[in-house]
Amino acid sequence: MDWDDIKILFEIYPKKQIKKVWKEKLCPLGQYFGRMNILYASVLFDVKNPDRYIRVQRNKHIRNITNADKRVVY
């Protein structure tokens, strides 16, 4: 995805919605999108400490996945 595509994305959708999808879908991917996530966090979403923010989001995602298994009733 290039910057022109990103610009169009922000014209179509609200920033809050884009950030929500980014947090849910890309942040948990860790190293695979590491540098790109740091760039997005700092440039597009004005995150003050992108490394920490991404790590926290990834850990939340992992906790949600592991706790989902515990909530299943057979």
C-alpha atoms as a PDB file:
ATOM      1  CA  MET A   1       0.000   0.000   0.000  1.00  0.00           C
ATOM      2  CA  ASP A   2       1.443   3.363  -0.929  1.00  0.00           C
ATOM      3  CA  TRP A   3       0.788   6.810   0.520  1.00  0.00           C
ATOM      4  CA  ASP A   4      -1.769   7.719  -2.147  1.00  0.00           C
ATOM      5  CA  ASP A   5      -3.830   4.676  -1.176  1.00  0.00           C
ATOM      6  CA  ILE A   6      -3.560   5.589   2.485  1.00  0.00           C
ATOM      7  CA  LYS A   7      -4.658   9.152   1.746  1.00  0.00           C
ATOM      8  CA  ILE A   8      -7.741   7.838  -0.085  1.00  0.00           C
ATOM      9  CA  LEU A   9      -8.462   5.469   2.813  1.00  0.00           C
ATOM     10  CA  PHE A  10      -8.520   8.415   5.226  1.00  0.00           C
ATOM     11  CA  GLU A  11     -10.830  10.313   2.886  1.00  0.00           C
ATOM     12  CA  ILE A  12     -13.308   7.426   2.802  1.00  0.00           C
ATOM     13  CA  TYR A  13     -13.259   6.291   6.450  1.00  0.00           C
ATOM     14  CA  PRO A  14     -12.916   8.148   9.741  1.00  0.00           C
ATOM     15  CA  LYS A  15      -9.496   8.006  11.401  1.00  0.00           C
ATOM     16  CA  LYS A  16     -10.975   6.342  14.489  1.00  0.00           C
ATOM     17  CA  GLN A  17     -12.343   3.451  12.439  1.00  0.00           C
ATOM     18  CA  ILE A  18      -9.083   2.965  10.536  1.00  0.00           C
ATOM     19  CA  LYS A  19      -7.114   2.920  13.790  1.00  0.00           C
ATOM     20  CA  LYS A  20      -9.490   0.346  15.285  1.00  0.00           C
ATOM     21  CA  VAL A  21      -9.013  -2.021  12.340  1.00  0.00           C
ATOM     22  CA  TRP A  22      -5.252  -1.450  12.384  1.00  0.00           C
ATOM     23  CA  LYS A  23      -5.096  -2.312  16.107  1.00  0.00           C
ATOM     24  CA  GLU A  24      -7.184  -5.458  15.653  1.00  0.00           C
ATOM     25  CA  LYS A  25      -5.658  -6.797  12.441  1.00  0.00           C
ATOM     26  CA  LEU A  26      -2.092  -5.524  11.944  1.00  0.00           C
ATOM     27  CA  CYS A  27      -0.694  -4.876  15.423  1.00  0.00           C
ATOM     28  CA  PRO A  28      -1.053  -8.507  16.515  1.00  0.00           C
ATOM     29  CA  LEU A  29       1.067  -9.691  13.570  1.00  0.00           C
ATOM     30  CA  GLY A  30       4.219  -8.637  15.409  1.00  0.00           C
ATOM     31  CA  GLN A  31       7.509  -8.903  13.545  1.00  0.00           C
ATOM     32  CA  TYR A  32       5.882  -9.524  10.179  1.00  0.00           C
ATOM     33  CA  PHE A  33       4.648  -5.915  10.005  1.00  0.00           C
ATOM     34  CA  GLY A  34       7.010  -4.506  12.647  1.00  0.00           C
ATOM     35  CA  ARG A  35       8.529  -1.513  10.877  1.00  0.00           C
ATOM     36  CA  MET A  36       5.334  -0.717   9.024  1.00  0.00           C
ATOM     37  CA  ASN A  37       3.328  -0.736  12.276  1.00  0.00           C
ATOM     38  CA  ILE A  38       5.810   1.620  13.908  1.00  0.00           C
ATOM     39  CA  LEU A  39       5.561   3.961  10.941  1.00  0.00           C
ATOM     40  CA  TYR A  40       1.758   3.863  10.932  1.00  0.00           C
ATOM     41  CA  ALA A  41       1.567   4.364  14.684  1.00  0.00           C
ATOM     42  CA  SER A  42       3.839   7.389  14.719  1.00  0.00           C
ATOM     43  CA  VAL A  43       2.869   9.086  11.445  1.00  0.00           C
ATOM     44  CA  LEU A  44      -0.799   8.241  10.927  1.00  0.00           C
ATOM     45  CA  PHE A  45      -2.060   7.853  14.490  1.00  0.00           C
ATOM     46  CA  ASP A  46       0.257  10.177  16.472  1.00  0.00           C
ATOM     47  CA  VAL A  47       1.242   7.478  18.968  1.00  0.00           C
ATOM     48  CA  LYS A  48       3.921   8.832  21.314  1.00  0.00           C
ATOM     49  CA  ASN A  49       5.721   5.540  21.987  1.00  0.00           C
ATOM     50  CA  PRO A  50       4.910   3.258  19.032  1.00  0.00           C
ATOM     51  CA  ASP A  51       7.019   0.263  20.128  1.00  0.00           C
ATOM     52  CA  ARG A  52       5.331   0.082  23.504  1.00  0.00           C
ATOM     53  CA  TYR A  53       1.871   0.766  22.086  1.00  0.00           C
ATOM     54  CA  ILE A  54       2.174  -2.031  19.519  1.00  0.00           C
ATOM     55  CA  ARG A  55       3.526  -4.455  22.124  1.00  0.00           C
ATOM     56  CA  VAL A  56       0.577  -3.698  24.425  1.00  0.00           C
ATOM     57  CA  GLN A  57      -1.924  -4.196  21.585  1.00  0.00           C
ATOM     58  CA  ARG A  58      -0.292  -7.492  20.597  1.00  0.00           C
ATOM     59  CA  ASN A  59      -0.392  -8.715  24.219  1.00  0.00           C
ATOM     60  CA  LYS A  60      -4.079  -7.768  24.508  1.00  0.00           C
ATOM     61  CA  HIS A  61      -4.795  -9.746  21.385  1.00  0.00           C
ATOM     62  CA  ILE A  62      -2.956 -12.797  22.740  1.00  0.00           C
ATOM     63  CA  ARG A  63      -4.820 -12.578  26.053  1.00  0.00           C
ATOM     64  CA  ASN A  64      -8.148 -12.344  24.234  1.00  0.00           C
ATOM     65  CA  ILE A  65      -7.362 -15.421  22.167  1.00  0.00           C
ATOM     66  CA  THR A  66      -6.211 -17.507  25.125  1.00  0.00           C
ATOM     67  CA  ASN A  67      -9.149 -16.423  27.290  1.00  0.00           C
ATOM     68  CA  ALA A  68     -11.616 -17.211  24.500  1.00  0.00           C
ATOM     69  CA  ASP A  69     -10.676 -20.889  24.824  1.00  0.00           C
ATOM     70  CA  LYS A  70     -11.504 -20.798  28.528  1.00  0.00           C
ATOM     71  CA  ARG A  71     -14.959 -19.318  27.918  1.00  0.00           C
ATOM     72  CA  VAL A  72     -16.104 -22.149  25.655  1.00  0.00           C
ATOM     73  CA  VAL A  73     -18.606 -24.399  27.433  1.00  0.00           C
ATOM     74  CA  TYR A  74     -19.032 -27.960  26.219  1.00  0.00           C
END
